[in-house]
Amino acid sequence: MQYKSVTVLAPAKLNLSLDVVGTLPNGYHALDMVMQSIDLFEKLTLTRSEGLTLTLPGSFVPANDKNTAIKAALAFFQYTGLLAGVDITIQKRVPVRAGMAGGSADAAGVLVGLNALYGAKLSMSELCAIGAAIGADVPFALMGGTCRVQGVGDFLKALPPCPDCWFVVVMPSVGVSTPEAFKQYDVVGSPVHPDCEQQEQAIRADDLRGLCAAAGNALEHCSGAVETPVIRQLLDAHGAIASQMTGSGAAVFGLFDGEEQAAQAAAELRQRYRQVYLCRPDRGGARVVHGRPLVRKKQKTAG
């Protein structure tokens, strides 16, 4: 089936662990990570059009050709050879420069949405190949759930669902530049190197405490996000089993084993920070949640 318009939800991600394990010949950093989708979503509406437009209501993110959503649309049309267009509207909820892959979620949402809108029937492997050229986190944003992610984000291994838990995510007042964080890492290194293999095994054993014991982020100490230690202290003081920065920053999250304690922590943190989110693990990536079928006009027959 083809559609006139589709609505897509694309989840944000958290890094349950992130380690820098080397440098590749092209200068990029080799990573070892465990990533987790959460139920904080970007909401995209894609409508058939003859042109290509992007609208971001209420967001300060530029809606130009550098935006990942536009890049994804252009890449999709180039790959499929479709001479078509789309009007994209994104209700952004994921904080910007947070290490939560909001831009990658947008790109994944566009790819999934266009695939459905035009009935292209591209496989997940094809979508991930297109997405990898747009951004390192796009393949994970497409797959979602719980994954061990290695290389520059191009090697993904799906894991069983994360043990049942709650996340309290706090966005500081200032974001972090990913290139600057890695540049600083090259200068100062990190005292933290999480055991991603141990964390994977804890997930397979449905062991939340073991997952938390193996958590950590090698970029946390060089991100330049000065509010991270204070936020972590507050989360820990309110009962988080573990707390850390996600991605290259600047968002910080605490992991809780119960809803009541997590909700109380979120309420307390909201008194000091504007962007605080109470979330749960999500088991999927970007997906179409509603479609308006395309009704083709019947041609009149001569008679």
C-alpha atoms as a PDB file:
ATOM      1  CA  MET A   1       0.000   0.000   0.000  1.00  0.00           C
ATOM      2  CA  GLN A   2       1.064   3.557  -0.705  1.00  0.00           C
ATOM      3  CA  TYR A   3       0.058   6.556   1.384  1.00  0.00           C
ATOM      4  CA  LYS A   4      -0.826  10.211   0.990  1.00  0.00           C
ATOM      5  CA  SER A   5       0.768  10.915   4.368  1.00  0.00           C
ATOM      6  CA  VAL A   6       2.286   8.975   7.254  1.00  0.00           C
ATOM      7  CA  THR A   7       3.057   9.687  10.895  1.00  0.00           C
ATOM      8  CA  VAL A   8       6.300   8.301  12.313  1.00  0.00           C
ATOM      9  CA  LEU A   9       7.619   8.042  15.864  1.00  0.00           C
ATOM     10  CA  ALA A  10      11.410   7.958  16.209  1.00  0.00           C
ATOM     11  CA  PRO A  11      12.855   7.296  19.685  1.00  0.00           C
ATOM     12  CA  ALA A  12      15.829   8.951  21.340  1.00  0.00           C
ATOM     13  CA  LYS A  13      18.701   6.830  22.633  1.00  0.00           C
ATOM     14  CA  LEU A  14      20.850   6.545  25.716  1.00  0.00           C
ATOM     15  CA  ASN A  15      24.318   5.039  25.977  1.00  0.00           C
ATOM     16  CA  LEU A  16      24.256   2.472  28.756  1.00  0.00           C
ATOM     17  CA  SER A  17      28.010   2.298  28.145  1.00  0.00           C
ATOM     18  CA  LEU A  18      30.471   4.001  25.813  1.00  0.00           C
ATOM     19  CA  ASP A  19      34.147   3.191  25.431  1.00  0.00           C
ATOM     20  CA  VAL A  20      36.726   4.536  23.004  1.00  0.00           C
ATOM     21  CA  VAL A  21      38.814   1.553  21.945  1.00  0.00           C
ATOM     22  CA  GLY A  22      41.059   2.955  19.222  1.00  0.00           C
ATOM     23  CA  THR A  23      41.512   5.196  16.227  1.00  0.00           C
ATOM     24  CA  LEU A  24      40.734   4.074  12.685  1.00  0.00           C
ATOM     25  CA  PRO A  25      42.919   4.824   9.627  1.00  0.00           C
ATOM     26  CA  ASN A  26      40.442   7.487   8.499  1.00  0.00           C
ATOM     27  CA  GLY A  27      40.894   9.354  11.779  1.00  0.00           C
ATOM     28  CA  TYR A  28      37.551   8.387  13.284  1.00  0.00           C
ATOM     29  CA  HIS A  29      37.408   6.853  16.749  1.00  0.00           C
ATOM     30  CA  ALA A  30      36.562   3.169  17.140  1.00  0.00           C
ATOM     31  CA  LEU A  31      33.866   2.768  19.774  1.00  0.00           C
ATOM     32  CA  ASP A  32      32.326  -0.015  21.813  1.00  0.00           C
ATOM     33  CA  MET A  33      28.888   0.825  23.199  1.00  0.00           C
ATOM     34  CA  VAL A  34      25.602  -0.506  24.436  1.00  0.00           C
ATOM     35  CA  MET A  35      22.743   1.654  23.204  1.00  0.00           C
ATOM     36  CA  GLN A  36      19.156   1.751  24.396  1.00  0.00           C
ATOM     37  CA  SER A  37      16.068   3.312  22.808  1.00  0.00           C
ATOM     38  CA  ILE A  38      13.772   5.189  25.190  1.00  0.00           C
ATOM     39  CA  ASP A  39      10.151   6.278  24.940  1.00  0.00           C
ATOM     40  CA  LEU A  40      10.990   9.915  24.221  1.00  0.00           C
ATOM     41  CA  PHE A  41      10.027  10.390  20.593  1.00  0.00           C
ATOM     42  CA  GLU A  42      10.446  12.755  17.706  1.00  0.00           C
ATOM     43  CA  LYS A  43       7.102  12.877  15.854  1.00  0.00           C
ATOM     44  CA  LEU A  44       7.305  13.215  12.089  1.00  0.00           C
ATOM     45  CA  THR A  45       4.556  13.771   9.531  1.00  0.00           C
ATOM     46  CA  LEU A  46       5.487  13.106   5.899  1.00  0.00           C
ATOM     47  CA  THR A  47       3.147  14.129   3.081  1.00  0.00           C
ATOM     48  CA  ARG A  48       3.546  13.514  -0.630  1.00  0.00           C
ATOM     49  CA  SER A  49       4.630  16.611  -2.489  1.00  0.00           C
ATOM     50  CA  GLU A  50       6.235  17.703  -5.727  1.00  0.00           C
ATOM     51  CA  GLY A  51       8.952  19.520  -3.804  1.00  0.00           C
ATOM     52  CA  LEU A  52      10.960  19.010  -0.608  1.00  0.00           C
ATOM     53  CA  THR A  53      10.204  21.071   2.491  1.00  0.00           C
ATOM     54  CA  LEU A  54      10.991  20.789   6.193  1.00  0.00           C
ATOM     55  CA  THR A  55       9.071  22.480   8.990  1.00  0.00           C
ATOM     56  CA  LEU A  56      10.183  22.386  12.640  1.00  0.00           C
ATOM     57  CA  PRO A  57       7.446  24.116  14.683  1.00  0.00           C
ATOM     58  CA  GLY A  58       8.782  25.772  17.817  1.00  0.00           C
ATOM     59  CA  SER A  59      12.358  24.580  17.268  1.00  0.00           C
ATOM     60  CA  PHE A  60      15.461  26.710  16.780  1.00  0.00           C
ATOM     61  CA  VAL A  61      17.123  23.948  14.737  1.00  0.00           C
ATOM     62  CA  PRO A  62      17.737  25.249  11.177  1.00  0.00           C
ATOM     63  CA  ALA A  63      15.449  23.681   8.567  1.00  0.00           C
ATOM     64  CA  ASN A  64      18.051  23.832   5.806  1.00  0.00           C
ATOM     65  CA  ASP A  65      19.892  21.323   3.621  1.00  0.00           C
ATOM     66  CA  LYS A  66      22.341  20.571   6.458  1.00  0.00           C
ATOM     67  CA  ASN A  67      19.509  19.115   8.521  1.00  0.00           C
ATOM     68  CA  THR A  68      19.642  15.327   8.767  1.00  0.00           C
ATOM     69  CA  ALA A  69      15.980  15.054   7.740  1.00  0.00           C
ATOM     70  CA  ILE A  70      16.667  16.776   4.410  1.00  0.00           C
ATOM     71  CA  LYS A  71      19.825  14.713   3.906  1.00  0.00           C
ATOM     72  CA  ALA A  72      17.847  11.535   4.532  1.00  0.00           C
ATOM     73  CA  ALA A  73      15.126  12.480   2.049  1.00  0.00           C
ATOM     74  CA  LEU A  74      17.656  13.312  -0.658  1.00  0.00           C
ATOM     75  CA  ALA A  75      19.575  10.091  -0.020  1.00  0.00           C
ATOM     76  CA  PHE A  76      16.369   8.038  -0.179  1.00  0.00           C
ATOM     77  CA  PHE A  77      15.283   9.529  -3.490  1.00  0.00           C
ATOM     78  CA  GLN A  78      18.761   9.120  -4.944  1.00  0.00           C
ATOM     79  CA  TYR A  79      18.931   5.458  -3.869  1.00  0.00           C
ATOM     80  CA  THR A  80      15.474   4.541  -5.145  1.00  0.00           C
ATOM     81  CA  GLY A  81      15.527   6.716  -8.247  1.00  0.00           C
ATOM     82  CA  LEU A  82      12.052   8.003  -7.405  1.00  0.00           C
ATOM     83  CA  LEU A  83      11.224  11.345  -9.001  1.00  0.00           C
ATOM     84  CA  ALA A  84       9.115  12.501  -6.086  1.00  0.00           C
ATOM     85  CA  GLY A  85       9.038  14.872  -3.156  1.00  0.00           C
ATOM     86  CA  VAL A  86       7.845  15.180   0.414  1.00  0.00           C
ATOM     87  CA  ASP A  87       6.759  17.799   2.921  1.00  0.00           C
ATOM     88  CA  ILE A  88       8.233  16.937   6.345  1.00  0.00           C
ATOM     89  CA  THR A  89       7.017  18.319   9.662  1.00  0.00           C
ATOM     90  CA  ILE A  90       8.904  17.333  12.821  1.00  0.00           C
ATOM     91  CA  GLN A  91       7.641  17.951  16.330  1.00  0.00           C
ATOM     92  CA  LYS A  92      10.973  17.873  18.148  1.00  0.00           C
ATOM     93  CA  ARG A  93      11.012  16.601  21.713  1.00  0.00           C
ATOM     94  CA  VAL A  94      14.554  15.252  22.028  1.00  0.00           C
ATOM     95  CA  PRO A  95      17.016  17.854  23.369  1.00  0.00           C
ATOM     96  CA  VAL A  96      19.613  19.196  20.939  1.00  0.00           C
ATOM     97  CA  ARG A  97      23.362  18.636  21.484  1.00  0.00           C
ATOM     98  CA  ALA A  98      22.426  16.168  24.193  1.00  0.00           C
ATOM     99  CA  GLY A  99      24.047  12.920  23.039  1.00  0.00           C
ATOM    100  CA  MET A 100      20.586  11.424  22.555  1.00  0.00           C
ATOM    101  CA  ALA A 101      20.648  11.152  18.731  1.00  0.00           C
ATOM    102  CA  GLY A 102      17.702  13.442  18.041  1.00  0.00           C
ATOM    103  CA  GLY A 103      19.062  14.338  14.612  1.00  0.00           C
ATOM    104  CA  SER A 104      19.694  10.679  13.817  1.00  0.00           C
ATOM    105  CA  ALA A 105      16.166   9.835  14.942  1.00  0.00           C
ATOM    106  CA  ASP A 106      14.856  12.446  12.505  1.00  0.00           C
ATOM    107  CA  ALA A 107      16.862  10.922   9.653  1.00  0.00           C
ATOM    108  CA  ALA A 108      15.673   7.417  10.547  1.00  0.00           C
ATOM    109  CA  GLY A 109      12.089   8.634  10.752  1.00  0.00           C
ATOM    110  CA  VAL A 110      12.310  10.163   7.287  1.00  0.00           C
ATOM    111  CA  LEU A 111      13.779   6.981   5.778  1.00  0.00           C
ATOM    112  CA  VAL A 112      11.128   4.758   7.368  1.00  0.00           C
ATOM    113  CA  GLY A 113       8.383   7.210   6.482  1.00  0.00           C
ATOM    114  CA  LEU A 114       9.381   7.559   2.835  1.00  0.00           C
ATOM    115  CA  ASN A 115       9.738   3.794   2.529  1.00  0.00           C
ATOM    116  CA  ALA A 116       6.082   3.458   3.550  1.00  0.00           C
ATOM    117  CA  LEU A 117       4.832   6.603   1.796  1.00  0.00           C
ATOM    118  CA  TYR A 118       5.996   5.433  -1.616  1.00  0.00           C
ATOM    119  CA  GLY A 119       5.786   1.667  -1.073  1.00  0.00           C
ATOM    120  CA  ALA A 120       9.491   1.277  -1.844  1.00  0.00           C
ATOM    121  CA  LYS A 121       9.801  -1.946   0.199  1.00  0.00           C
ATOM    122  CA  LEU A 122      13.462  -1.341   1.086  1.00  0.00           C
ATOM    123  CA  SER A 123      14.855  -3.825   3.614  1.00  0.00           C
ATOM    124  CA  MET A 124      16.223  -2.829   7.007  1.00  0.00           C
ATOM    125  CA  SER A 125      19.726  -3.544   5.656  1.00  0.00           C
ATOM    126  CA  GLU A 126      19.167  -1.133   2.776  1.00  0.00           C
ATOM    127  CA  LEU A 127      17.772   1.556   5.050  1.00  0.00           C
ATOM    128  CA  CYS A 128      20.733   1.149   7.420  1.00  0.00           C
ATOM    129  CA  ALA A 129      23.188   1.417   4.517  1.00  0.00           C
ATOM    130  CA  ILE A 130      21.550   4.676   3.410  1.00  0.00           C
ATOM    131  CA  GLY A 131      21.428   5.915   7.003  1.00  0.00           C
ATOM    132  CA  ALA A 132      25.087   5.158   7.763  1.00  0.00           C
ATOM    133  CA  ALA A 133      26.133   7.695   5.130  1.00  0.00           C
ATOM    134  CA  ILE A 134      24.063  10.363   6.892  1.00  0.00           C
ATOM    135  CA  GLY A 135      25.247   9.809  10.462  1.00  0.00           C
ATOM    136  CA  ALA A 136      26.878   7.185  12.669  1.00  0.00           C
ATOM    137  CA  ASP A 137      23.824   6.792  14.931  1.00  0.00           C
ATOM    138  CA  VAL A 138      21.229   6.493  12.141  1.00  0.00           C
ATOM    139  CA  PRO A 139      21.466   2.682  11.761  1.00  0.00           C
ATOM    140  CA  PHE A 140      20.776   2.259  15.483  1.00  0.00           C
ATOM    141  CA  ALA A 141      17.932   4.804  15.280  1.00  0.00           C
ATOM    142  CA  LEU A 142      16.409   2.571  12.598  1.00  0.00           C
ATOM    143  CA  MET A 143      16.849  -0.697  14.521  1.00  0.00           C
ATOM    144  CA  GLY A 144      16.283   0.575  18.045  1.00  0.00           C
ATOM    145  CA  GLY A 145      15.772  -1.577  21.117  1.00  0.00           C
ATOM    146  CA  THR A 146      18.928  -2.684  22.916  1.00  0.00           C
ATOM    147  CA  CYS A 147      22.100  -3.126  20.843  1.00  0.00           C
ATOM    148  CA  ARG A 148      25.829  -3.637  21.184  1.00  0.00           C
ATOM    149  CA  VAL A 149      27.283  -1.090  18.765  1.00  0.00           C
ATOM    150  CA  GLN A 150      30.900  -1.081  17.612  1.00  0.00           C
ATOM    151  CA  GLY A 151      33.184   0.553  15.056  1.00  0.00           C
ATOM    152  CA  VAL A 152      31.886   4.016  14.223  1.00  0.00           C
ATOM    153  CA  GLY A 153      28.322   2.837  14.781  1.00  0.00           C
ATOM    154  CA  ASP A 154      28.258   0.560  11.745  1.00  0.00           C
ATOM    155  CA  PHE A 155      28.455  -2.805  13.534  1.00  0.00           C
ATOM    156  CA  LEU A 156      25.216  -3.520  15.385  1.00  0.00           C
ATOM    157  CA  LYS A 157      24.263  -6.619  17.348  1.00  0.00           C
ATOM    158  CA  ALA A 158      20.694  -6.811  18.624  1.00  0.00           C
ATOM    159  CA  LEU A 159      20.466  -7.833  22.285  1.00  0.00           C
ATOM    160  CA  PRO A 160      17.537  -9.063  24.369  1.00  0.00           C
ATOM    161  CA  PRO A 161      15.389  -6.287  25.860  1.00  0.00           C
ATOM    162  CA  CYS A 162      16.950  -4.215  28.618  1.00  0.00           C
ATOM    163  CA  PRO A 163      16.003  -5.330  32.143  1.00  0.00           C
ATOM    164  CA  ASP A 164      12.877  -3.574  33.383  1.00  0.00           C
ATOM    165  CA  CYS A 165      13.821  -0.109  34.679  1.00  0.00           C
ATOM    166  CA  TRP A 166      13.156   3.626  34.544  1.00  0.00           C
ATOM    167  CA  PHE A 167      15.362   6.471  33.340  1.00  0.00           C
ATOM    168  CA  VAL A 168      15.430  10.050  34.559  1.00  0.00           C
ATOM    169  CA  VAL A 169      17.121  12.139  31.858  1.00  0.00           C
ATOM    170  CA  VAL A 170      18.342  15.656  32.618  1.00  0.00           C
ATOM    171  CA  MET A 171      19.508  18.144  30.012  1.00  0.00           C
ATOM    172  CA  PRO A 172      21.892  20.806  31.363  1.00  0.00           C
ATOM    173  CA  SER A 173      21.622  24.432  30.313  1.00  0.00           C
ATOM    174  CA  VAL A 174      24.436  24.092  27.753  1.00  0.00           C
ATOM    175  CA  GLY A 175      24.901  21.440  25.056  1.00  0.00           C
ATOM    176  CA  VAL A 176      28.094  19.741  23.894  1.00  0.00           C
ATOM    177  CA  SER A 177      29.787  19.643  20.490  1.00  0.00           C
ATOM    178  CA  THR A 178      30.580  16.043  19.528  1.00  0.00           C
ATOM    179  CA  PRO A 179      33.714  16.912  17.482  1.00  0.00           C
ATOM    180  CA  GLU A 180      35.049  19.015  20.364  1.00  0.00           C
ATOM    181  CA  ALA A 181      34.455  16.198  22.855  1.00  0.00           C
ATOM    182  CA  PHE A 182      36.455  13.715  20.764  1.00  0.00           C
ATOM    183  CA  LYS A 183      39.161  16.313  20.120  1.00  0.00           C
ATOM    184  CA  GLN A 184      39.541  16.831  23.852  1.00  0.00           C
ATOM    185  CA  TYR A 185      39.563  13.058  24.433  1.00  0.00           C
ATOM    186  CA  ASP A 186      42.599  12.811  22.154  1.00  0.00           C
ATOM    187  CA  VAL A 187      44.361  15.319  24.408  1.00  0.00           C
ATOM    188  CA  VAL A 188      43.436  14.140  27.910  1.00  0.00           C
ATOM    189  CA  GLY A 189      42.118  10.575  27.507  1.00  0.00           C
ATOM    190  CA  SER A 190      39.779   9.127  30.125  1.00  0.00           C
ATOM    191  CA  PRO A 191      40.028   7.354  33.488  1.00  0.00           C
ATOM    192  CA  VAL A 192      36.776   5.518  32.671  1.00  0.00           C
ATOM    193  CA  HIS A 193      36.615   2.495  30.374  1.00  0.00           C
ATOM    194  CA  PRO A 194      33.388   0.520  30.881  1.00  0.00           C
ATOM    195  CA  ASP A 195      33.206  -3.223  30.360  1.00  0.00           C
ATOM    196  CA  CYS A 196      30.753  -3.436  27.452  1.00  0.00           C
ATOM    197  CA  GLU A 197      31.124  -7.208  27.203  1.00  0.00           C
ATOM    198  CA  GLN A 198      30.200  -7.586  30.863  1.00  0.00           C
ATOM    199  CA  GLN A 199      27.236  -5.276  30.354  1.00  0.00           C
ATOM    200  CA  GLU A 200      26.048  -7.299  27.370  1.00  0.00           C
ATOM    201  CA  GLN A 201      26.170 -10.476  29.448  1.00  0.00           C
ATOM    202  CA  ALA A 202      24.242  -8.768  32.274  1.00  0.00           C
ATOM    203  CA  ILE A 203      21.520  -7.788  29.789  1.00  0.00           C
ATOM    204  CA  ARG A 204      21.364 -11.351  28.496  1.00  0.00           C
ATOM    205  CA  ALA A 205      20.953 -12.517  32.109  1.00  0.00           C
ATOM    206  CA  ASP A 206      18.259  -9.866  32.779  1.00  0.00           C
ATOM    207  CA  ASP A 207      20.515  -8.565  35.564  1.00  0.00           C
ATOM    208  CA  LEU A 208      19.840  -4.858  36.147  1.00  0.00           C
ATOM    209  CA  ARG A 209      22.409  -4.492  38.935  1.00  0.00           C
ATOM    210  CA  GLY A 210      25.053  -6.140  36.762  1.00  0.00           C
ATOM    211  CA  LEU A 211      24.172  -3.812  33.891  1.00  0.00           C
ATOM    212  CA  CYS A 212      24.660  -0.813  36.170  1.00  0.00           C
ATOM    213  CA  ALA A 213      27.926  -2.148  37.592  1.00  0.00           C
ATOM    214  CA  ALA A 214      29.383  -2.293  34.074  1.00  0.00           C
ATOM    215  CA  ALA A 215      28.111   1.149  33.020  1.00  0.00           C
ATOM    216  CA  GLY A 216      30.317   4.124  32.197  1.00  0.00           C
ATOM    217  CA  ASN A 217      31.159   6.696  29.542  1.00  0.00           C
ATOM    218  CA  ALA A 218      34.744   7.295  28.419  1.00  0.00           C
ATOM    219  CA  LEU A 219      33.815  10.739  27.021  1.00  0.00           C
ATOM    220  CA  GLU A 220      32.298  12.072  30.232  1.00  0.00           C
ATOM    221  CA  HIS A 221      35.500  13.525  31.656  1.00  0.00           C
ATOM    222  CA  CYS A 222      36.474  15.389  28.499  1.00  0.00           C
ATOM    223  CA  SER A 223      33.078  16.618  27.298  1.00  0.00           C
ATOM    224  CA  GLY A 224      33.421  20.034  28.903  1.00  0.00           C
ATOM    225  CA  ALA A 225      29.920  19.663  30.358  1.00  0.00           C
ATOM    226  CA  VAL A 226      30.565  21.304  33.726  1.00  0.00           C
ATOM    227  CA  GLU A 227      27.123  20.496  35.155  1.00  0.00           C
ATOM    228  CA  THR A 228      27.504  16.713  34.784  1.00  0.00           C
ATOM    229  CA  PRO A 229      28.970  15.985  38.260  1.00  0.00           C
ATOM    230  CA  VAL A 230      26.278  18.002  40.047  1.00  0.00           C
ATOM    231  CA  ILE A 231      23.448  16.346  38.134  1.00  0.00           C
ATOM    232  CA  ARG A 232      24.905  12.902  38.797  1.00  0.00           C
ATOM    233  CA  GLN A 233      25.183  13.667  42.505  1.00  0.00           C
ATOM    234  CA  LEU A 234      21.532  14.729  42.601  1.00  0.00           C
ATOM    235  CA  LEU A 235      20.387  11.610  40.749  1.00  0.00           C
ATOM    236  CA  ASP A 236      22.438   9.359  43.016  1.00  0.00           C
ATOM    237  CA  ALA A 237      21.118  11.130  46.108  1.00  0.00           C
ATOM    238  CA  HIS A 238      17.567  10.402  44.936  1.00  0.00           C
ATOM    239  CA  GLY A 239      18.188   6.690  44.550  1.00  0.00           C
ATOM    240  CA  ALA A 240      19.647   6.099  41.105  1.00  0.00           C
ATOM    241  CA  ILE A 241      21.402   2.738  40.864  1.00  0.00           C
ATOM    242  CA  ALA A 242      23.767   4.279  38.309  1.00  0.00           C
ATOM    243  CA  SER A 243      24.149   7.651  36.637  1.00  0.00           C
ATOM    244  CA  GLN A 244      26.253   8.929  33.749  1.00  0.00           C
ATOM    245  CA  MET A 245      26.393  11.163  30.718  1.00  0.00           C
ATOM    246  CA  THR A 246      25.032   9.797  27.444  1.00  0.00           C
ATOM    247  CA  GLY A 247      26.925   9.910  24.146  1.00  0.00           C
ATOM    248  CA  SER A 248      29.268  12.863  23.871  1.00  0.00           C
ATOM    249  CA  GLY A 249      26.919  14.818  26.159  1.00  0.00           C
ATOM    250  CA  ALA A 250      25.482  16.880  27.512  1.00  0.00           C
ATOM    251  CA  ALA A 251      22.426  14.995  28.822  1.00  0.00           C
ATOM    252  CA  VAL A 252      22.848  12.962  32.008  1.00  0.00           C
ATOM    253  CA  PHE A 253      20.619  10.103  33.118  1.00  0.00           C
ATOM    254  CA  GLY A 254      19.964   8.077  36.210  1.00  0.00           C
ATOM    255  CA  LEU A 255      18.789   4.490  36.128  1.00  0.00           C
ATOM    256  CA  PHE A 256      16.116   3.404  38.627  1.00  0.00           C
ATOM    257  CA  ASP A 257      14.517   0.049  39.343  1.00  0.00           C
ATOM    258  CA  GLY A 258      11.135   1.482  40.402  1.00  0.00           C
ATOM    259  CA  GLU A 259       8.660   4.001  38.995  1.00  0.00           C
ATOM    260  CA  GLU A 260       7.853   5.778  42.255  1.00  0.00           C
ATOM    261  CA  GLN A 261      11.454   6.596  43.133  1.00  0.00           C
ATOM    262  CA  ALA A 262      12.193   7.630  39.542  1.00  0.00           C
ATOM    263  CA  ALA A 263       9.156   9.917  39.454  1.00  0.00           C
ATOM    264  CA  GLN A 264      10.166  11.535  42.740  1.00  0.00           C
ATOM    265  CA  ALA A 265      13.680  12.104  41.449  1.00  0.00           C
ATOM    266  CA  ALA A 266      12.341  13.647  38.231  1.00  0.00           C
ATOM    267  CA  ALA A 267      10.083  15.987  40.215  1.00  0.00           C
ATOM    268  CA  GLU A 268      13.010  17.129  42.365  1.00  0.00           C
ATOM    269  CA  LEU A 269      15.310  17.694  39.384  1.00  0.00           C
ATOM    270  CA  ARG A 270      12.621  19.734  37.583  1.00  0.00           C
ATOM    271  CA  GLN A 271      12.933  22.344  40.303  1.00  0.00           C
ATOM    272  CA  ARG A 272      16.458  23.052  39.053  1.00  0.00           C
ATOM    273  CA  TYR A 273      16.463  22.066  35.365  1.00  0.00           C
ATOM    274  CA  ARG A 274      13.989  22.917  32.616  1.00  0.00           C
ATOM    275  CA  GLN A 275      14.372  19.730  30.554  1.00  0.00           C
ATOM    276  CA  VAL A 276      13.855  16.620  32.688  1.00  0.00           C
ATOM    277  CA  TYR A 277      12.306  13.458  31.257  1.00  0.00           C
ATOM    278  CA  LEU A 278      10.940  10.334  32.937  1.00  0.00           C
ATOM    279  CA  CYS A 279      11.383   7.493  30.450  1.00  0.00           C
ATOM    280  CA  ARG A 280      11.281   3.744  30.004  1.00  0.00           C
ATOM    281  CA  PRO A 281      13.218   1.482  27.642  1.00  0.00           C
ATOM    282  CA  ASP A 282      11.684   1.225  24.170  1.00  0.00           C
ATOM    283  CA  ARG A 283      11.949  -1.984  22.157  1.00  0.00           C
ATOM    284  CA  GLY A 284      11.968  -0.581  18.620  1.00  0.00           C
ATOM    285  CA  GLY A 285      13.383   2.003  16.276  1.00  0.00           C
ATOM    286  CA  ALA A 286      11.657   4.549  14.053  1.00  0.00           C
ATOM    287  CA  ARG A 287       8.249   3.257  12.946  1.00  0.00           C
ATOM    288  CA  VAL A 288       5.110   4.317  11.132  1.00  0.00           C
ATOM    289  CA  VAL A 289       2.198   4.616  13.560  1.00  0.00           C
ATOM    290  CA  HIS A 290      -0.446   6.021  11.220  1.00  0.00           C
ATOM    291  CA  GLY A 291      -0.966   6.233   7.486  1.00  0.00           C
ATOM    292  CA  ARG A 292      -3.498   8.015   5.312  1.00  0.00           C
ATOM    293  CA  PRO A 293      -3.990   5.806   2.248  1.00  0.00           C
ATOM    294  CA  LEU A 294      -3.423   7.225  -1.189  1.00  0.00           C
ATOM    295  CA  VAL A 295      -6.666   7.337  -3.155  1.00  0.00           C
ATOM    296  CA  ARG A 296      -5.990   7.553  -6.848  1.00  0.00           C
ATOM    297  CA  LYS A 297      -8.532   9.342  -9.016  1.00  0.00           C
ATOM    298  CA  LYS A 298     -10.272   7.101 -11.520  1.00  0.00           C
ATOM    299  CA  GLN A 299      -9.712   8.074 -15.094  1.00  0.00           C
ATOM    300  CA  LYS A 300     -12.815   8.828 -17.108  1.00  0.00           C
ATOM    301  CA  THR A 301     -13.390   6.560 -20.052  1.00  0.00           C
ATOM    302  CA  ALA A 302     -14.568   7.897 -23.353  1.00  0.00           C
ATOM    303  CA  GLY A 303     -18.028   6.771 -24.309  1.00  0.00           C
END
